[in-house]
Amino acid sequence: LASVTLDDLQPVDEFHIRGDTATKELIKLSGFTPDLHILDVGCGIGGSTRRLSHETGCRVTGIDLSDEYIDTAQRLTHLLNMQDRVEFQACSALELPFDDNYFDGVWSLQMNMNVEDKLSWLTETYRVLKPGCRAVLYEVCGNNNAPQYFPVPWAQDGSMSFLVSPESFRDVITSAGFEITAWNDKTDLAQQAFAHVNEPVGEPDLPVLGVYMLVGNDISTKAYNLRRNFDEERVSLIETVALKPDDRQENKRSE
């Protein structure tokens, strides 16, 4: 275990759509630098949290509601000897235990699908972010006119899935106070990523290490349903950058 690397853990700890490929694209989009302290909201077991710190040199604090995820995230971070730059805390994204204007950036990957009160989540995100700084979000959105197939990786049924349309998601981001500076539809890349996923037949042949360890042995069914949802435009994949305006700069421009 002493020789374990980030890449060794990638099949299981970066379980968002398109995995570390998407993570690296988002890191480039973020512009985060080594001098910054970033908050990862909904960090899971910390895969993208660690990847973000490793690639940029920044300090990252990850939060998640699940005590089990946080415990696993801490153990894996110590295994990789990254605890000097990466830390974790179990708490609710709707009630963050941090001061106002505390973080230099926010990072959140596939968080919104399990959050019903999206305005409270994004308002709290806005509160703890310093003025003039940005939040990078990578999220699945729904289609108000087409219900999803279930189960999917984040929910066994519709009672735990709270997807909204891209238009509604954009509205709630701006309602929280943010300015949207980037909005990129990545649905075509998600479709490509799932193009090889076929309807499961019989018992799945599971690898030793894989995302099924987090989302269940029915991962083949969930992945196939997600493919159907993307192919039939029942869901979409959006990456966006949301800026917390700096009132001081606005005041200078108006003088």
Foldseek 3Di string as FASTA:
>chain_A
DLPDDLVNQQQAQQPFQPTVVVLVVLLVVQPDAQDWEEEEEACFLPSSVVVSCVVHVHAYEYEHQDPVSQVNNVVVCVSNPNVVRYHYDYDDLLDDPAAFQAGQEYEYEADPFQDQCVLSNLLSVLRNHHAFHKYKYKHKAFDPVDDADDDAQQHRDDVRTRHHHPVVNVVSNVVSPWDWPDKDWCLVVSLVSLVPQDQDDDQDDDDPHHNCVPRHSCNSNNSRSVNVCSVVVRMTIMITMIHRHDVVVVVVVVD
